[in-house]
Protein backbone atom coordinates (compact mmCIF):
# COMPACT_ATOMS: atom_id res chain seq x y z
CA MET A 1 11.91 -14.05 0.82
CA GLU A 2 13.41 -10.91 2.36
CA ASP A 3 14.47 -9.68 -1.10
CA GLY A 4 10.96 -10.29 -2.40
CA ARG A 5 9.48 -8.37 0.50
CA ALA A 6 11.88 -5.47 -0.06
CA ASP A 7 10.87 -5.30 -3.73
CA ILE A 8 7.17 -5.43 -2.85
CA ALA A 9 7.64 -2.79 -0.14
CA GLU A 10 9.40 -0.48 -2.59
CA ARG A 11 6.67 -0.87 -5.21
CA VAL A 12 3.85 -0.31 -2.66
CA ARG A 13 5.61 2.78 -1.29
CA ASN A 14 6.07 4.17 -4.81
CA ILE A 15 2.34 3.78 -5.48
CA ILE A 16 1.50 5.65 -2.27
CA VAL A 17 4.06 8.41 -2.96
CA GLU A 18 2.73 8.95 -6.49
CA GLN A 19 -0.94 8.78 -5.53
CA LEU A 20 -0.72 11.11 -2.53
CA ALA A 21 2.14 13.32 -3.72
CA VAL A 22 3.92 12.94 -0.38
CA GLU A 23 7.62 12.82 0.33
CA LYS A 24 9.02 9.32 0.12
CA SER A 25 10.67 9.81 3.53
CA LYS A 26 7.19 10.01 5.12
CA VAL A 27 6.01 6.70 3.67
CA VAL A 28 7.38 4.51 6.45
CA ASP A 29 5.95 1.16 7.56
CA ASP A 30 4.20 2.58 10.63
CA ALA A 31 2.64 5.55 8.79
CA SER A 32 -1.15 5.58 8.75
CA ILE A 33 -2.16 6.06 5.12
CA VAL A 34 -5.11 8.25 6.17
CA ASP A 35 -3.97 9.95 9.38
CA ASP A 36 -0.27 10.47 8.62
CA LEU A 37 -0.24 10.67 4.83
CA GLY A 38 -3.58 12.42 4.35
CA ALA A 39 -5.40 9.98 2.06
CA ASP A 40 -9.14 10.42 1.75
CA SER A 41 -11.53 7.55 1.01
CA LEU A 42 -11.33 8.02 -2.76
CA GLU A 43 -7.52 8.04 -2.66
CA MET A 44 -7.58 4.85 -0.59
CA VAL A 45 -9.74 3.16 -3.25
CA GLN A 46 -7.32 4.34 -5.93
CA ILE A 47 -4.31 3.07 -3.95
CA VAL A 48 -5.97 -0.34 -3.55
CA MET A 49 -6.76 -0.47 -7.29
CA LEU A 50 -3.20 0.50 -8.20
CA ILE A 51 -1.80 -2.18 -5.88
CA GLU A 52 -4.15 -4.73 -7.46
CA ASP A 53 -2.96 -3.73 -10.94
CA GLU A 54 0.72 -3.61 -9.97
CA PHE A 55 0.73 -7.09 -8.44
CA GLY A 56 -2.06 -8.81 -10.40
CA ILE A 57 -4.10 -9.54 -7.28
CA ALA A 58 -7.64 -8.81 -6.11
CA ILE A 59 -8.17 -7.19 -2.73
CA PRO A 60 -11.76 -7.70 -1.50
CA ASP A 61 -13.50 -4.84 0.33
CA GLN A 62 -13.13 -6.38 3.79
CA PRO A 63 -9.32 -6.73 3.71
CA ALA A 64 -9.01 -3.40 1.87
CA GLU A 65 -10.68 -1.65 4.81
CA GLY A 66 -8.00 -3.15 7.06
CA LEU A 67 -5.13 -1.61 5.12
CA LEU A 68 -4.53 1.19 7.59
CA THR A 69 -0.76 1.53 7.55
CA VAL A 70 1.90 1.22 4.89
CA ARG A 71 2.99 -2.03 6.59
CA ASP A 72 -0.56 -3.43 6.35
CA ALA A 73 -0.54 -2.88 2.58
CA ILE A 74 2.91 -4.42 2.17
CA ASP A 75 2.03 -7.41 4.39
CA TYR A 76 -1.17 -8.04 2.41
CA VAL A 77 0.69 -8.12 -0.90
CA VAL A 78 3.46 -10.34 0.53
CA ALA A 79 0.85 -12.79 1.85
CA SER A 80 -0.92 -12.88 -1.53
CA GLN A 81 2.20 -13.85 -3.48
CA PRO A 82 2.57 -17.51 -4.54
C-alpha cells in the first residue's frame, strides 16, 4: 500500500503545483493549501475537481472543505481507493 500512497501523493502534488504555479519543493504534506500555498476559494474548487477527475472519485462539499493541507488531500484519495 505504501507504493500506492506514494503514487497518489505524487499525482496530488502535481495537481497542486500545476494549479497554483508554486515550486514543487513547497508542496509538502504539512503545507496548508490556502495559507502556505496561496490558494483562493476558486482555486480550491478547481483543485478538488482536478483530483476528482484524476482519480475517478467524487468529493462531496463537506469533505472538500476539510482538505486543508496537502496531507489531507492525499489521505482522502488514499481512503477512497478500493
